[in-house]
N, C-alpha and C. Protein backbone atom coordinates (compact mmCIF):
# COMPACT_ATOMS: atom_id res chain seq x y z
N UNK A 1 1.09 -1.38 -0.33
CA UNK A 1 -0.06 0.19 0.18
C UNK A 1 0.92 1.18 0.13
N UNK A 2 0.11 2.22 -0.24
CA UNK A 2 1.04 3.70 -0.58
C UNK A 2 0.78 4.74 0.10
N UNK A 3 1.90 5.44 0.43
CA UNK A 3 1.78 6.47 1.40
C UNK A 3 0.43 7.33 0.79
N UNK A 4 0.15 7.41 -0.43
CA UNK A 4 -1.00 8.60 -1.13
C UNK A 4 -2.22 7.62 -0.58
N UNK A 5 -2.49 6.33 -0.24
CA UNK A 5 -3.84 6.07 -0.64
C UNK A 5 -4.02 5.77 1.16
N UNK A 6 -2.81 5.89 2.15
CA UNK A 6 -3.02 6.09 3.54
C UNK A 6 -3.88 7.67 3.39
N UNK A 7 -2.53 8.19 2.92
CA UNK A 7 -3.15 9.96 3.29
C UNK A 7 -4.58 9.97 2.70
N UNK A 8 -5.34 9.62 1.35
CA UNK A 8 -6.28 9.80 1.31
C UNK A 8 -7.49 9.32 2.26
N UNK A 9 -7.47 7.82 2.69
CA UNK A 9 -7.69 7.31 3.50
C UNK A 9 -7.68 8.30 5.20
N UNK A 10 -6.81 9.27 5.40
CA UNK A 10 -6.90 9.69 6.83
C UNK A 10 -7.66 10.70 6.40
N UNK A 11 -7.24 11.46 5.31
CA UNK A 11 -8.08 12.46 5.03
C UNK A 11 -9.58 12.32 5.47
N UNK A 12 -10.16 11.50 4.51
CA UNK A 12 -11.95 11.22 4.66
C UNK A 12 -11.87 11.16 6.17
N UNK A 13 -11.26 10.12 7.01
CA UNK A 13 -11.57 9.48 8.33
C UNK A 13 -11.94 10.92 8.60
N UNK A 14 -10.90 11.99 8.88
CA UNK A 14 -11.07 13.33 9.15
C UNK A 14 -12.49 13.99 8.90
N UNK A 15 -12.71 14.00 7.93
CA UNK A 15 -13.48 14.87 7.15
C UNK A 15 -14.94 13.80 8.19
N UNK A 16 -14.95 12.47 7.64
CA UNK A 16 -16.11 12.07 8.19
C UNK A 16 -16.02 11.94 9.97
N UNK A 17 -15.19 12.35 10.43
CA UNK A 17 -15.37 12.57 12.39
C UNK A 17 -15.86 13.94 12.13
N UNK A 18 -15.35 14.72 11.07
CA UNK A 18 -16.30 15.94 11.62
C UNK A 18 -17.46 16.52 11.17
N UNK A 19 -17.66 15.49 10.54
CA UNK A 19 -19.26 15.57 9.99
C UNK A 19 -19.87 14.73 11.13
N UNK A 20 -19.55 13.82 11.88
CA UNK A 20 -20.44 12.95 12.97
C UNK A 20 -19.90 13.92 14.37
N UNK A 21 -18.97 14.97 14.18
CA UNK A 21 -19.32 15.96 15.45
C UNK A 21 -20.15 16.96 15.15
N UNK A 22 -20.58 17.30 13.79
CA UNK A 22 -21.46 18.65 13.54
C UNK A 22 -23.01 17.87 13.52
N UNK A 23 -23.22 16.19 13.47
CA UNK A 23 -24.37 15.71 13.96
C UNK A 23 -24.48 15.42 15.08
N UNK A 24 -23.69 15.73 15.76
CA UNK A 24 -23.67 15.55 17.10
C UNK A 24 -23.90 16.92 18.14
N UNK A 25 -23.69 17.93 17.50
CA UNK A 25 -23.96 19.14 18.15
C UNK A 25 -25.46 19.23 17.70
N UNK A 26 -26.06 18.67 16.98
CA UNK A 26 -27.58 19.30 16.44
C UNK A 26 -28.32 19.05 17.83
N UNK A 27 -29.67 19.41 17.76
CA UNK A 27 -30.65 19.06 18.71
C UNK A 27 -31.10 17.98 18.82
N UNK A 28 -31.26 17.06 19.88
CA UNK A 28 -31.57 15.69 19.47
C UNK A 28 -33.21 15.36 18.97
N UNK A 29 -33.06 14.18 18.17
CA UNK A 29 -34.27 13.82 17.65
C UNK A 29 -34.08 12.72 17.33
N UNK A 30 -35.15 11.73 16.63
CA UNK A 30 -35.13 10.29 15.89
C UNK A 30 -34.60 10.30 15.07
N UNK A 31 -34.22 11.33 14.11
CA UNK A 31 -33.59 11.69 12.85
C UNK A 31 -32.01 12.39 12.70
N UNK A 32 -31.88 12.57 13.70
CA UNK A 32 -30.50 13.30 14.10
C UNK A 32 -29.66 11.98 14.68
N UNK A 33 -30.41 11.42 15.81
CA UNK A 33 -30.30 9.61 16.40
C UNK A 33 -29.43 8.95 15.27
N UNK A 34 -30.59 8.91 14.39
CA UNK A 34 -30.03 7.78 13.08
C UNK A 34 -29.00 8.39 12.60
N UNK A 35 -29.02 9.40 12.03
CA UNK A 35 -27.78 10.37 11.23
C UNK A 35 -26.57 10.15 12.08
N UNK A 36 -26.69 10.46 13.28
CA UNK A 36 -25.19 10.02 14.12
C UNK A 36 -24.67 8.50 14.21
N UNK A 37 -25.62 7.92 13.95
CA UNK A 37 -25.40 6.02 13.83
C UNK A 37 -24.94 6.11 12.41
N UNK A 38 -24.77 6.26 11.51
CA UNK A 38 -25.04 6.37 10.65
C UNK A 38 -23.40 6.94 9.86
N UNK A 39 -23.35 7.90 10.28
CA UNK A 39 -21.94 8.45 10.22
C UNK A 39 -21.01 7.97 10.89
N UNK A 40 -21.60 7.56 12.20
CA UNK A 40 -20.35 6.68 12.99
C UNK A 40 -20.25 5.87 12.43
N UNK A 41 -20.83 5.04 11.93
CA UNK A 41 -20.50 3.33 11.08
C UNK A 41 -19.57 4.09 10.06
N UNK A 42 -20.00 5.36 9.01
CA UNK A 42 -18.97 5.45 8.36
C UNK A 42 -17.68 5.98 8.29
N UNK A 43 -17.28 6.70 9.99
CA UNK A 43 -16.22 7.14 10.78
C UNK A 43 -15.24 6.19 11.14
N UNK A 44 -15.77 5.06 11.59
CA UNK A 44 -15.15 3.92 11.81
C UNK A 44 -14.72 3.20 10.97
N UNK A 45 -15.33 2.86 9.81
CA UNK A 45 -14.63 1.96 8.54
C UNK A 45 -13.53 2.82 7.98
N UNK A 46 -13.87 4.29 7.89
CA UNK A 46 -12.37 4.64 7.36
C UNK A 46 -11.44 5.05 8.27
N UNK A 47 -11.87 4.55 10.21
CA UNK A 47 -10.32 4.21 10.54
C UNK A 47 -9.65 3.57 10.41
N UNK A 48 -11.07 2.29 10.47
CA UNK A 48 -10.25 0.87 10.64
C UNK A 48 -9.36 0.74 9.27
N UNK A 49 -9.80 0.92 8.12
CA UNK A 49 -9.13 1.27 6.86
C UNK A 49 -7.94 1.67 6.73
N UNK A 50 -7.69 2.95 6.97
CA UNK A 50 -6.48 4.00 7.33
C UNK A 50 -5.55 3.23 8.23
N UNK A 51 -5.74 2.28 9.27
CA UNK A 51 -4.92 1.79 9.83
C UNK A 51 -4.94 0.59 9.47
N UNK A 52 -5.47 -0.09 8.43
CA UNK A 52 -5.11 -1.40 8.06
C UNK A 52 -3.93 -0.83 7.08
N UNK A 53 -3.95 0.38 6.32
CA UNK A 53 -3.16 1.01 5.24
C UNK A 53 -1.65 0.47 5.85
N UNK A 54 -1.89 1.63 7.22
CA UNK A 54 -0.70 1.54 7.52
C UNK A 54 0.01 0.04 8.14
N UNK A 55 -0.52 -0.44 9.12
CA UNK A 55 -0.64 -1.85 9.41
C UNK A 55 0.26 -2.90 8.26
N UNK A 56 -0.41 -2.80 7.65
CA UNK A 56 0.49 -3.61 6.17
C UNK A 56 1.54 -2.90 5.61
N UNK A 57 1.78 -1.53 5.81
CA UNK A 57 3.35 -1.32 5.15
C UNK A 57 3.79 -1.35 6.49
N UNK A 58 3.72 -1.80 7.31
CA UNK A 58 4.52 -2.04 8.99
C UNK A 58 4.83 -3.89 8.73
N UNK A 59 3.97 -4.34 7.97
CA UNK A 59 4.33 -5.51 8.00
C UNK A 59 3.39 -6.90 8.54
N UNK A 60 2.31 -6.01 9.27
CA UNK A 60 1.00 -6.70 9.30
C UNK A 60 0.45 -7.21 8.83
N UNK A 61 -0.09 -8.47 9.31
CA UNK A 61 -1.50 -9.02 8.69
C UNK A 61 -3.04 -8.42 8.82
N UNK A 62 -3.55 -7.06 8.63
CA UNK A 62 -4.42 -6.59 8.71
C UNK A 62 -5.32 -7.05 7.85
N UNK A 63 -6.61 -8.18 8.18
CA UNK A 63 -7.36 -8.32 6.83
C UNK A 63 -8.91 -8.00 7.56
N UNK A 64 -9.06 -7.75 8.50
CA UNK A 64 -10.66 -8.03 8.93
C UNK A 64 -10.34 -6.71 10.42
N UNK A 65 -11.35 -5.96 10.26
CA UNK A 65 -11.76 -5.01 11.71
C UNK A 65 -10.80 -5.33 12.92
N UNK A 66 -11.73 -6.44 13.58
CA UNK A 66 -11.13 -6.96 14.47
C UNK A 66 -9.51 -7.47 14.67
N UNK A 67 -9.37 -8.12 13.73
CA UNK A 67 -7.92 -7.67 13.52
C UNK A 67 -7.01 -6.97 13.61
N UNK A 68 -7.56 -5.84 12.52
CA UNK A 68 -7.17 -4.72 12.91
C UNK A 68 -6.36 -4.02 14.16
N UNK A 69 -7.35 -3.97 14.94
CA UNK A 69 -7.59 -3.46 16.23
C UNK A 69 -6.46 -4.24 17.02
N UNK A 70 -6.34 -5.71 16.69
CA UNK A 70 -5.35 -6.15 17.62
C UNK A 70 -4.09 -6.19 17.28
N UNK A 71 -3.84 -5.85 15.91
CA UNK A 71 -2.67 -5.27 15.11
C UNK A 71 -1.86 -3.87 15.61
N UNK A 72 -3.15 -2.96 15.96
CA UNK A 72 -2.95 -1.66 16.02
C UNK A 72 -2.52 -1.48 17.66
N UNK A 73 -3.08 -2.49 18.35
CA UNK A 73 -2.55 -2.41 20.13
C UNK A 73 -1.22 -3.32 20.17
N UNK A 74 -0.80 -4.31 19.04
CA UNK A 74 0.61 -4.75 19.13
C UNK A 74 1.09 -3.74 18.79
N UNK A 75 0.86 -2.73 17.97
CA UNK A 75 1.74 -1.70 17.34
C UNK A 75 2.33 -0.81 18.07
N UNK A 76 1.16 -0.64 18.96
CA UNK A 76 1.41 0.36 20.32
C UNK A 76 0.62 1.67 19.76
N UNK A 77 -0.23 1.82 18.67
CA UNK A 77 -1.15 2.64 17.93
C UNK A 77 -2.50 2.87 19.06
N UNK A 78 -2.48 1.94 19.51
CA UNK A 78 -4.03 1.79 20.84
C UNK A 78 -2.74 1.14 21.94
N UNK A 79 -2.88 2.69 22.78
CA UNK A 79 -1.67 2.21 23.88
C UNK A 79 -1.81 1.74 24.98
N UNK A 80 -3.23 1.06 25.53
CA UNK A 80 -3.90 0.72 26.54
C UNK A 80 -4.50 -0.01 26.40
N UNK A 81 -5.28 -1.53 27.10
CA UNK A 81 -5.99 -2.40 27.50
C UNK A 81 -7.29 -2.04 27.46
N UNK A 82 -7.12 -0.95 28.34
CA UNK A 82 -8.79 0.06 28.68
C UNK A 82 -8.66 1.38 26.95
N UNK A 83 -8.03 1.24 26.22
CA UNK A 83 -8.24 2.18 25.67
C UNK A 83 -8.73 0.78 24.03
N UNK A 84 -8.07 -0.30 23.98
CA UNK A 84 -8.98 -1.15 23.45
C UNK A 84 -9.69 -1.84 23.71
N UNK A 85 -10.56 -2.06 25.14
CA UNK A 85 -11.63 -2.24 25.07
C UNK A 85 -13.08 -1.53 24.36
N UNK A 86 -12.33 -0.20 24.61
CA UNK A 86 -13.26 1.28 23.77
C UNK A 86 -13.36 0.74 22.28
N UNK A 87 -11.85 0.68 21.72
CA UNK A 87 -12.14 0.00 20.07
C UNK A 87 -12.90 -0.78 19.78
N UNK A 88 -12.93 -1.87 20.65
CA UNK A 88 -13.57 -3.27 20.36
C UNK A 88 -15.22 -3.03 20.77
N UNK A 89 -15.64 -1.89 21.48
CA UNK A 89 -16.98 -1.60 21.72
C UNK A 89 -17.44 -0.76 20.92
N UNK A 90 -16.50 -0.19 20.26
CA UNK A 90 -16.83 0.57 18.81
C UNK A 90 -17.28 -0.32 17.63
N UNK A 91 -16.53 -1.26 17.69
CA UNK A 91 -16.75 -2.48 16.67
C UNK A 91 -17.73 -3.07 16.62
N UNK A 92 -18.19 -3.60 17.88
CA UNK A 92 -19.35 -4.07 18.23
C UNK A 92 -20.71 -2.99 17.78
N UNK A 93 -20.31 -2.00 18.28
CA UNK A 93 -21.70 -0.97 17.97
C UNK A 93 -21.98 -1.18 16.66
N UNK A 94 -20.66 -0.92 15.76
CA UNK A 94 -20.43 -0.23 14.39
C UNK A 94 -21.50 -1.77 13.74
N UNK A 95 -20.73 -2.92 14.19
CA UNK A 95 -21.46 -4.51 13.67
C UNK A 95 -22.99 -4.52 13.99
N UNK A 96 -23.28 -4.24 15.18
CA UNK A 96 -25.17 -4.43 15.54
C UNK A 96 -25.89 -3.71 14.72
N UNK A 97 -25.04 -1.72 14.67
CA UNK A 97 -25.84 -1.13 14.38
C UNK A 97 -26.16 -1.28 12.30
N UNK A 98 -24.90 -1.82 11.82
CA UNK A 98 -25.19 -2.21 10.46
C UNK A 98 -25.91 -3.15 10.17
N UNK A 99 -26.56 -4.32 11.28
CA UNK A 99 -27.00 -5.46 10.21
C UNK A 99 -28.28 -5.58 11.21
N UNK A 100 -28.63 -4.84 12.07
CA UNK A 100 -29.98 -5.00 12.77
C UNK A 100 -30.95 -3.29 13.20
N UNK A 101 -31.97 -3.41 13.42
CA UNK A 101 -32.31 -2.11 13.57
C UNK A 101 -33.47 -2.09 14.20
N UNK A 102 -33.25 -1.81 15.64
CA UNK A 102 -34.20 -1.86 16.94
C UNK A 102 -34.34 -0.94 17.80
N UNK A 103 -35.37 0.27 18.02
CA UNK A 103 -35.15 1.70 18.67
C UNK A 103 -34.35 1.87 19.81
N UNK A 104 -34.53 0.67 20.49
CA UNK A 104 -33.90 0.25 22.08
C UNK A 104 -32.33 0.76 21.67
N UNK A 105 -32.00 -0.54 20.86
CA UNK A 105 -30.63 -0.34 21.07
C UNK A 105 -30.22 0.96 19.93
N UNK A 106 -30.87 1.15 18.83
CA UNK A 106 -30.21 2.56 18.34
C UNK A 106 -29.70 3.95 19.60
N UNK A 107 -30.98 3.73 20.80
CA UNK A 107 -30.63 4.70 21.47
C UNK A 107 -29.47 4.68 22.55
N UNK A 108 -29.33 2.95 22.27
CA UNK A 108 -28.15 2.99 23.46
C UNK A 108 -26.50 3.18 22.74
N UNK A 109 -27.07 2.89 21.45
CA UNK A 109 -25.50 3.22 20.52
C UNK A 109 -25.55 4.51 20.57
N UNK A 110 -26.79 5.59 19.94
CA UNK A 110 -26.46 6.78 20.36
C UNK A 110 -25.35 7.74 21.68
N UNK A 111 -26.10 6.82 22.64
CA UNK A 111 -25.09 7.37 24.01
C UNK A 111 -24.04 6.83 23.85
N UNK A 112 -23.32 5.91 23.89
CA UNK A 112 -22.16 5.34 23.88
C UNK A 112 -21.49 6.37 22.59
N UNK A 113 -21.75 6.57 21.26
CA UNK A 113 -21.47 7.32 20.45
C UNK A 113 -21.09 8.81 21.00
N UNK A 114 -22.41 9.12 21.40
CA UNK A 114 -22.13 10.82 22.24
C UNK A 114 -21.10 10.75 23.35
N UNK A 115 -21.08 9.87 24.30
CA UNK A 115 -20.57 9.94 25.33
C UNK A 115 -19.38 9.06 25.80
N UNK A 116 -19.00 8.04 24.81
CA UNK A 116 -17.82 7.56 25.05
C UNK A 116 -16.82 7.31 23.13
N UNK A 117 -17.37 6.95 22.54
CA UNK A 117 -16.87 6.53 21.13
C UNK A 117 -16.68 7.84 20.48
N UNK A 118 -17.02 9.24 20.47
CA UNK A 118 -16.42 10.21 20.52
C UNK A 118 -14.95 10.52 20.33
N UNK A 119 -15.01 10.12 21.95
CA UNK A 119 -13.60 10.91 22.67
C UNK A 119 -12.63 9.69 21.63
N UNK A 120 -12.66 8.70 21.95
CA UNK A 120 -11.78 7.56 20.93
C UNK A 120 -11.20 8.26 19.63
N UNK A 121 -12.39 8.51 19.10
CA UNK A 121 -12.04 8.23 17.50
C UNK A 121 -11.27 9.79 17.28
N UNK A 122 -11.25 11.00 18.06
CA UNK A 122 -10.90 12.09 18.38
C UNK A 122 -9.13 11.88 18.56
N UNK A 123 -9.26 11.13 19.56
CA UNK A 123 -7.86 10.67 20.02
C UNK A 123 -7.28 9.45 18.90
N UNK A 124 -7.94 8.78 18.30
CA UNK A 124 -7.30 8.39 16.97
C UNK A 124 -7.16 9.14 15.79
N UNK A 125 -7.93 9.69 15.41
CA UNK A 125 -7.17 11.48 13.96
C UNK A 125 -6.05 11.95 14.81
N UNK A 126 -5.81 12.04 16.18
CA UNK A 126 -4.69 12.71 16.80
C UNK A 126 -3.59 11.63 16.01
N UNK A 127 -3.58 10.54 16.51
CA UNK A 127 -2.87 9.95 16.32
C UNK A 127 -2.38 9.42 15.24
N UNK A 128 -3.56 9.52 14.38
CA UNK A 128 -3.14 9.27 12.41
C UNK A 128 -2.43 10.11 12.48
N UNK A 129 -2.94 11.46 12.77
CA UNK A 129 -2.00 12.79 12.18
C UNK A 129 -0.47 12.75 12.88
N UNK A 130 -0.51 12.02 13.72
CA UNK A 130 1.22 12.18 13.60
C UNK A 130 1.88 10.57 13.29
N UNK A 131 1.12 9.82 12.49
CA UNK A 131 2.24 8.50 11.76
C UNK A 131 3.01 9.14 10.82
N UNK A 132 3.93 8.35 10.65
CA UNK A 132 5.24 9.25 9.13
C UNK A 132 5.06 7.78 8.86
N UNK A 133 5.37 7.83 7.83
CA UNK A 133 5.64 7.08 6.89
C UNK A 133 6.83 6.74 6.17
N UNK A 134 7.67 5.55 7.22
CA UNK A 134 8.90 5.30 6.78
C UNK A 134 8.87 4.28 5.51
N UNK A 135 9.95 4.75 4.57
CA UNK A 135 9.75 4.12 3.11
C UNK A 135 11.23 3.36 3.34
């Protein structure tokens, strides 16, 4: 994978995260909740794909979201078990919302996005910005 592809994904992730922040800033409604969840799904997808490109560059066999997160922990991109648990929770929420729709689940996921996931995504953005591609 190339630096250009990584940089493209990293920028797409940053843009998606900004749009997620904008949606979270809106007054709550069911429509806003559903939009936040969908933007979260896009943002998380771009995050793990950005990490996948970088980890493959480093020689890891990063083939699925769960594997990418495990290898990001091994590579030190995710610095602690506690944070790793948060990233796995984001993956679980992404999987739940992309395959099932239930009002109570949507509400619970929205609250986790607003209260926990957004902070991890913002920290991930800072870390991605600090990555330097060694040739």
